[in-house]
Amino acid sequence: MTAADAVRDQEQRLRAILDTAVEGIITIDERGTIESFNPASERVFGYQAKEVIGKNVKVLMATPHHEQHDGYLANYRHSGHAKIIGIGRETFARKKDGTLFPIDLSVSEVKLSDRRIFTGFIRDITERKRLEKEILEISEREQRRIGQDLHDGLCQHLAGIEMLSQVLAKKLIPKSKATAARATEIAKAVRDAISQTRLLARGLSPVTLESEGLMSALAELALNMEKMFKVECVFDCDNVVKFEDHAAATHLFRIAQEAASNAIKHGQAKRITVSLHEEAAHIRVSVSDDGIGFPKNFSGGTGMGLRIMQTRTNMIGGTLTIERRPRGGTLVSCLVLKNR
């Protein structure tokens, strides 16, 4: 076999691999120009290869990456620092008809003799996201049910026990003041248990979120966290922020709730700030703390709480960032479009 035959055979093998791959495989140059677009990519995006080859890859991207992509590549060419190369991530892409859909994206870099190209491996995860959404909705319903059961069932039983203890205390006064005092202490302990149970119930089923909106629910979250865990927890919101999307508001509330709980349980925080701000066309919910933070080589974590926060963020098309604060502690921030 001649050298030319070997090269041709190698090219045919590579082409066969690209043509039969179940994942979308796209290659671009340093300027973002699409050089190859395999059949799986055609099925995923609805374009024929000839329609996109030679165009900038941002035609396949959703906001905000569509507008920022050229800047990403320019920054990489000048600094050599890449944010996504070699790291898989979930994001959104745009089909030919304009439909946005979730994808699992990983990017690799190939250095050739005279230039370099980037290869993107794309998997449509619409079905997976549908199942995740269904699981979260089931979980949400169960949390509400448990919260209502705690409030309407257990709290009522405890209230009955408190009343019986108070009645018993009054009856015991003529016989033994010490025993009556003990009965009064029991009534007080039950009253405290009722208060704690109501706080738990409101955390599981945040009535304020449904009746008064995200702003009031986050303010109540900060108040309840302070009462339950005996830490300083404040709510920061300079102006009135109205957010009409109840489903997205529920996810933002749960993200803040999870972040605040993590700050106490894992970060050993003494002070937590829950913030809500409107930034142009976006809503930002963030939770910062003064805890021990996380290691400098932290890469996002694999804990269930962090994964659920990321899943909730993806479901509302938002962006989740988890950062180590310069003076210690952690900042968790979720940014989402106000009108989706």
Protein backbone atom coordinates (compact mmCIF):
# COMPACT_ATOMS: atom_id res chain seq x y z
CA MET A 1 0.00 0.00 0.00
CA THR A 2 1.39 3.38 -0.98
CA ALA A 3 1.48 6.38 1.30
CA ALA A 4 -1.32 7.96 -0.73
CA ASP A 5 -3.42 4.81 -0.34
CA ALA A 6 -2.80 4.82 3.41
CA VAL A 7 -3.89 8.44 3.71
CA ARG A 8 -6.99 7.76 1.62
CA ASP A 9 -7.84 4.69 3.72
CA GLN A 10 -7.43 6.70 6.91
CA GLU A 11 -9.70 9.45 5.56
CA GLN A 12 -12.35 6.90 4.63
CA ARG A 13 -12.26 5.38 8.11
CA LEU A 14 -12.58 8.81 9.69
CA ARG A 15 -15.47 9.67 7.40
CA ALA A 16 -17.22 6.39 8.27
CA ILE A 17 -16.86 7.12 11.97
CA LEU A 18 -18.30 10.64 11.57
CA ASP A 19 -21.14 9.44 9.36
CA THR A 20 -22.25 6.64 11.71
CA ALA A 21 -21.74 8.44 15.05
CA VAL A 22 -24.93 8.81 17.09
CA GLU A 23 -23.69 12.12 18.53
CA GLY A 24 -23.57 15.34 16.58
CA ILE A 25 -19.96 16.16 15.71
CA ILE A 26 -19.07 19.63 14.45
CA THR A 27 -15.63 21.05 13.72
CA ILE A 28 -14.85 24.76 13.57
CA ASP A 29 -11.73 26.81 12.96
CA GLU A 30 -10.23 29.46 15.27
CA ARG A 31 -12.67 32.08 13.94
CA GLY A 32 -15.71 29.94 14.67
CA THR A 33 -16.36 28.97 11.05
CA ILE A 34 -17.99 25.55 10.64
CA GLU A 35 -15.78 23.15 8.65
CA SER A 36 -17.67 19.86 9.07
CA PHE A 37 -21.17 18.87 10.12
CA ASN A 38 -21.90 15.14 10.41
CA PRO A 39 -25.27 13.44 9.65
CA ALA A 40 -26.19 13.21 13.35
CA SER A 41 -25.79 17.01 13.56
CA GLU A 42 -28.13 17.35 10.59
CA ARG A 43 -30.76 15.30 12.46
CA VAL A 44 -30.29 17.25 15.67
CA PHE A 45 -30.34 20.77 14.22
CA GLY A 46 -32.48 20.31 11.10
CA TYR A 47 -29.84 21.81 8.79
CA GLN A 48 -28.19 20.12 5.85
CA ALA A 49 -24.40 20.24 6.12
CA LYS A 50 -24.14 22.45 3.01
CA GLU A 51 -26.39 25.04 4.69
CA VAL A 52 -24.04 25.67 7.61
CA ILE A 53 -20.52 24.80 6.44
CA GLY A 54 -18.71 28.09 6.01
CA LYS A 55 -20.97 29.91 8.47
CA ASN A 56 -20.14 30.99 12.02
CA VAL A 57 -21.09 28.35 14.59
CA LYS A 58 -23.03 30.92 16.60
CA VAL A 59 -25.92 30.34 14.17
CA LEU A 60 -26.52 27.18 16.24
CA MET A 61 -26.29 28.93 19.61
CA ALA A 62 -28.86 30.35 21.99
CA THR A 63 -28.68 33.66 23.85
CA PRO A 64 -26.44 34.80 25.55
CA HIS A 65 -23.74 32.57 23.99
CA HIS A 66 -24.83 33.59 20.47
CA GLU A 67 -23.82 37.20 21.09
CA GLN A 68 -20.75 36.39 23.16
CA HIS A 69 -19.21 33.55 21.13
CA ASP A 70 -16.86 35.66 19.00
CA GLY A 71 -15.59 37.24 22.21
CA TYR A 72 -14.95 33.79 23.71
CA LEU A 73 -12.80 32.77 20.76
CA ALA A 74 -10.96 36.10 20.61
CA ASN A 75 -10.19 35.89 24.31
CA TYR A 76 -8.91 32.33 23.88
CA ARG A 77 -6.68 33.30 20.95
CA HIS A 78 -5.09 36.08 23.00
CA SER A 79 -4.98 34.52 26.48
CA GLY A 80 -4.93 30.78 25.79
CA HIS A 81 -7.50 30.39 28.60
CA ALA A 82 -10.53 28.28 27.64
CA LYS A 83 -13.62 27.94 29.79
CA ILE A 84 -15.23 24.87 28.23
CA ILE A 85 -12.55 22.97 26.30
CA GLY A 86 -12.13 19.53 27.80
CA ILE A 87 -15.12 20.04 30.12
CA GLY A 88 -18.59 18.72 29.34
CA ARG A 89 -21.52 20.95 30.16
CA GLU A 90 -25.22 21.37 29.59
CA THR A 91 -26.46 24.34 27.59
CA PHE A 92 -29.07 25.30 25.00
CA ALA A 93 -28.79 25.27 21.20
CA ARG A 94 -30.95 26.59 18.36
CA LYS A 95 -32.49 24.49 15.59
CA LYS A 96 -32.99 25.69 12.02
CA ASP A 97 -36.61 26.62 12.81
CA GLY A 98 -35.48 28.71 15.79
CA THR A 99 -36.51 26.20 18.45
CA LEU A 100 -34.26 26.16 21.52
CA PHE A 101 -33.43 22.77 23.00
CA PRO A 102 -31.09 21.44 25.72
CA ILE A 103 -27.83 19.74 24.76
CA ASP A 104 -24.90 18.07 26.43
CA LEU A 105 -21.81 19.71 24.89
CA SER A 106 -18.15 18.82 25.11
CA VAL A 107 -15.40 20.55 23.12
CA SER A 108 -11.90 19.33 22.29
CA GLU A 109 -9.01 21.12 20.63
CA VAL A 110 -6.89 19.63 17.86
CA LYS A 111 -3.57 21.26 17.00
CA LEU A 112 -2.51 20.76 13.41
CA SER A 113 0.84 21.67 11.86
CA ASP A 114 -0.25 25.13 10.79
CA ARG A 115 -3.43 25.82 12.76
CA ARG A 116 -5.86 24.43 15.28
CA ILE A 117 -9.48 23.35 15.07
CA PHE A 118 -12.14 22.68 17.68
CA THR A 119 -14.46 19.68 17.71
CA GLY A 120 -17.83 19.84 19.42
CA PHE A 121 -19.64 16.66 20.49
CA ILE A 122 -23.37 17.30 20.91
CA ARG A 123 -26.14 15.18 22.36
CA ASP A 124 -29.80 16.24 22.40
CA ILE A 125 -30.97 15.76 26.00
CA THR A 126 -34.56 16.96 25.58
CA GLU A 127 -36.01 13.64 26.78
CA ARG A 128 -33.68 13.49 29.77
CA LYS A 129 -34.68 17.02 30.74
CA ARG A 130 -38.35 16.09 30.41
CA LEU A 131 -37.86 13.21 32.81
CA GLU A 132 -35.87 15.39 35.23
CA LYS A 133 -38.64 17.98 35.15
CA GLU A 134 -41.24 15.31 35.84
CA ILE A 135 -39.23 14.00 38.81
CA LEU A 136 -38.81 17.50 40.23
CA GLU A 137 -42.53 18.20 39.84
CA ILE A 138 -43.36 14.98 41.67
CA SER A 139 -40.89 15.94 44.40
CA GLU A 140 -42.43 19.42 44.61
CA ARG A 141 -45.92 17.98 45.01
CA GLU A 142 -44.72 15.60 47.70
CA GLN A 143 -42.99 18.41 49.58
CA ARG A 144 -46.20 20.46 49.49
CA ARG A 145 -48.23 17.47 50.68
CA ILE A 146 -45.85 16.79 53.57
CA GLY A 147 -45.81 20.49 54.45
CA GLN A 148 -49.61 20.62 54.51
CA ASP A 149 -49.78 17.41 56.55
CA LEU A 150 -47.35 18.86 59.06
CA HIS A 151 -49.30 22.10 59.31
CA ASP A 152 -52.84 20.75 59.24
CA GLY A 153 -52.23 17.39 60.91
CA LEU A 154 -49.26 17.29 63.27
CA CYS A 155 -49.58 20.91 64.39
CA GLN A 156 -53.23 20.34 65.31
CA HIS A 157 -52.34 17.24 67.34
CA LEU A 158 -49.58 19.12 69.13
CA ALA A 159 -51.94 22.02 69.82
CA GLY A 160 -54.33 19.54 71.44
CA ILE A 161 -51.52 18.14 73.62
CA GLU A 162 -50.53 21.67 74.64
CA MET A 163 -54.10 22.44 75.69
CA LEU A 164 -54.38 19.22 77.71
CA SER A 165 -51.07 20.05 79.44
CA GLN A 166 -52.36 23.50 80.36
CA VAL A 167 -55.59 22.04 81.73
CA LEU A 168 -53.60 19.46 83.70
CA ALA A 169 -51.35 22.19 85.12
CA LYS A 170 -54.37 24.09 86.45
CA LYS A 171 -55.80 20.97 88.07
CA LEU A 172 -52.47 20.14 89.72
CA ILE A 173 -51.94 23.57 91.34
CA PRO A 174 -54.03 22.74 94.49
CA LYS A 175 -52.25 19.41 94.93
CA SER A 176 -48.64 20.19 93.98
CA LYS A 177 -47.29 23.45 92.62
CA ALA A 178 -44.04 21.75 91.61
CA THR A 179 -45.88 19.14 89.56
CA ALA A 180 -48.09 21.84 88.05
CA ALA A 181 -44.97 23.79 87.06
CA ARG A 182 -43.65 20.69 85.31
CA ALA A 183 -46.92 20.36 83.37
CA THR A 184 -46.62 24.04 82.38
CA GLU A 185 -43.07 23.38 81.13
CA ILE A 186 -44.38 20.48 79.04
CA ALA A 187 -47.01 22.78 77.52
CA LYS A 188 -44.31 25.33 76.67
CA ALA A 189 -42.11 22.64 75.09
CA VAL A 190 -45.03 21.49 72.96
CA ARG A 191 -45.70 25.11 71.95
CA ASP A 192 -42.07 25.44 70.84
CA ALA A 193 -42.42 22.18 68.88
CA ILE A 194 -45.50 23.62 67.15
CA SER A 195 -43.53 26.72 66.18
CA GLN A 196 -40.66 24.62 64.76
CA THR A 197 -43.07 22.36 62.89
CA ARG A 198 -44.80 25.36 61.32
CA LEU A 199 -41.44 26.70 60.16
CA LEU A 200 -40.63 23.32 58.59
CA ALA A 201 -44.06 23.20 56.97
CA ARG A 202 -43.62 26.66 55.46
CA GLY A 203 -40.22 25.63 54.11
CA LEU A 204 -41.73 22.57 52.45
CA SER A 205 -44.80 24.41 51.20
CA PRO A 206 -44.01 28.14 50.86
CA VAL A 207 -47.50 29.65 50.90
CA THR A 208 -46.03 33.15 50.57
CA LEU A 209 -44.54 32.26 47.18
CA GLU A 210 -47.97 31.48 45.79
CA SER A 211 -49.84 34.36 47.40
CA GLU A 212 -47.32 37.23 47.48
CA GLY A 213 -44.59 36.31 45.00
CA LEU A 214 -40.87 35.57 44.95
CA MET A 215 -39.76 38.73 46.73
CA SER A 216 -41.89 38.07 49.83
CA ALA A 217 -41.06 34.36 49.81
CA LEU A 218 -37.29 35.04 49.84
CA ALA A 219 -37.72 37.58 52.65
CA GLU A 220 -39.61 34.97 54.66
CA LEU A 221 -36.96 32.35 53.82
CA ALA A 222 -34.26 34.55 55.34
CA LEU A 223 -36.38 35.11 58.45
CA ASN A 224 -37.14 31.41 58.88
CA MET A 225 -33.50 30.36 58.36
CA GLU A 226 -32.49 32.78 61.11
CA LYS A 227 -35.14 31.41 63.50
CA MET A 228 -34.44 27.75 62.78
CA PHE A 229 -30.65 27.74 62.73
CA LYS A 230 -29.84 30.71 65.00
CA VAL A 231 -27.62 32.43 62.42
CA GLU A 232 -27.79 35.95 61.01
CA CYS A 233 -29.68 35.77 57.72
CA VAL A 234 -30.72 38.95 55.91
CA PHE A 235 -32.68 39.67 52.74
CA ASP A 236 -31.23 42.21 50.31
CA CYS A 237 -33.52 43.74 47.67
CA ASP A 238 -33.14 47.45 46.89
CA ASN A 239 -36.24 47.85 44.70
CA VAL A 240 -39.52 46.05 44.27
CA VAL A 241 -39.00 43.09 41.92
CA LYS A 242 -42.05 41.50 40.32
CA PHE A 243 -41.67 38.12 38.69
CA GLU A 244 -44.85 36.67 37.22
CA ASP A 245 -43.52 33.28 36.13
CA HIS A 246 -44.61 31.16 39.09
CA ALA A 247 -42.91 27.94 37.91
CA ALA A 248 -39.55 29.72 37.47
CA ALA A 249 -40.04 31.57 40.76
CA THR A 250 -40.50 28.24 42.54
CA HIS A 251 -37.21 26.96 41.12
CA LEU A 252 -35.39 30.17 42.12
CA PHE A 253 -36.82 29.89 45.64
CA ARG A 254 -35.67 26.27 45.96
CA ILE A 255 -32.19 27.16 44.65
CA ALA A 256 -31.88 29.91 47.28
CA GLN A 257 -33.21 27.56 49.96
CA GLU A 258 -30.69 24.84 49.04
CA ALA A 259 -27.80 27.33 48.89
CA ALA A 260 -28.68 28.79 52.30
CA SER A 261 -28.96 25.30 53.83
CA ASN A 262 -25.59 24.31 52.36
CA ALA A 263 -24.01 27.47 53.80
CA ILE A 264 -25.10 26.41 57.28
CA LYS A 265 -24.62 22.64 57.09
CA HIS A 266 -21.41 22.50 55.08
CA GLY A 267 -20.02 26.03 55.11
CA GLN A 268 -20.53 26.59 58.87
CA ALA A 269 -21.65 30.13 58.05
CA LYS A 270 -22.58 32.65 60.74
CA ARG A 271 -23.98 35.26 58.36
CA ILE A 272 -25.97 34.70 55.16
CA THR A 273 -27.35 37.20 52.67
CA VAL A 274 -30.17 36.26 50.32
CA SER A 275 -30.42 38.76 47.45
CA LEU A 276 -32.92 39.48 44.71
CA HIS A 277 -32.14 42.02 41.99
CA GLU A 278 -33.46 42.99 38.58
CA GLU A 279 -30.71 43.48 35.99
CA ALA A 280 -32.00 44.83 32.67
CA ALA A 281 -33.97 41.89 31.20
CA HIS A 282 -32.81 39.42 33.87
CA ILE A 283 -33.62 38.43 37.44
CA ARG A 284 -30.74 37.44 39.71
CA VAL A 285 -31.14 35.48 42.94
CA SER A 286 -27.97 35.00 44.97
CA VAL A 287 -26.93 33.63 48.34
CA SER A 288 -23.62 34.66 49.90
CA ASP A 289 -22.13 33.58 53.22
CA ASP A 290 -19.10 34.04 55.45
CA GLY A 291 -18.44 30.32 55.91
CA ILE A 292 -15.36 28.22 55.22
CA GLY A 293 -16.05 28.21 51.47
CA PHE A 294 -14.74 25.40 49.29
CA PRO A 295 -11.30 24.28 48.11
CA LYS A 296 -9.55 26.35 45.45
CA ASN A 297 -9.56 23.37 43.07
CA PHE A 298 -13.35 23.06 43.40
CA SER A 299 -14.85 22.28 39.97
CA GLY A 300 -18.58 22.45 40.63
CA GLY A 301 -19.06 19.45 42.88
CA THR A 302 -21.13 16.31 42.43
CA GLY A 303 -23.31 16.49 45.55
CA MET A 304 -27.03 15.87 45.14
CA GLY A 305 -27.90 19.39 46.32
CA LEU A 306 -25.59 21.02 43.76
CA ARG A 307 -26.86 18.78 40.99
CA ILE A 308 -30.47 19.63 41.81
CA MET A 309 -29.66 23.35 41.81
CA GLN A 310 -28.06 22.98 38.39
CA THR A 311 -30.99 20.94 37.10
CA ARG A 312 -33.47 23.55 38.31
CA THR A 313 -31.38 26.28 36.66
CA ASN A 314 -31.28 24.41 33.36
CA MET A 315 -35.05 23.89 33.45
CA ILE A 316 -35.66 27.65 33.51
CA GLY A 317 -32.90 28.42 30.99
CA GLY A 318 -30.78 30.22 33.57
CA THR A 319 -27.10 30.39 34.44
CA LEU A 320 -25.81 29.11 37.79
CA THR A 321 -22.46 30.22 39.19
CA ILE A 322 -20.79 29.06 42.39
CA GLU A 323 -17.79 31.15 43.41
CA ARG A 324 -15.34 31.39 46.25
CA ARG A 325 -15.55 34.86 47.79
CA PRO A 326 -12.23 36.76 48.08
CA ARG A 327 -12.64 37.22 51.83
CA GLY A 328 -13.94 33.73 52.47
CA GLY A 329 -17.28 32.07 52.09
CA THR A 330 -19.29 31.19 49.02
CA LEU A 331 -21.47 33.05 46.53
CA VAL A 332 -24.18 31.11 44.70
CA SER A 333 -25.94 33.08 41.96
CA CYS A 334 -28.68 32.22 39.48
CA LEU A 335 -29.48 34.51 36.55
CA VAL A 336 -32.64 34.02 34.48
CA LEU A 337 -34.49 36.01 31.84
CA LYS A 338 -37.41 37.94 33.31
CA ASN A 339 -39.65 37.30 30.30
CA ARG A 340 -38.90 33.84 28.98
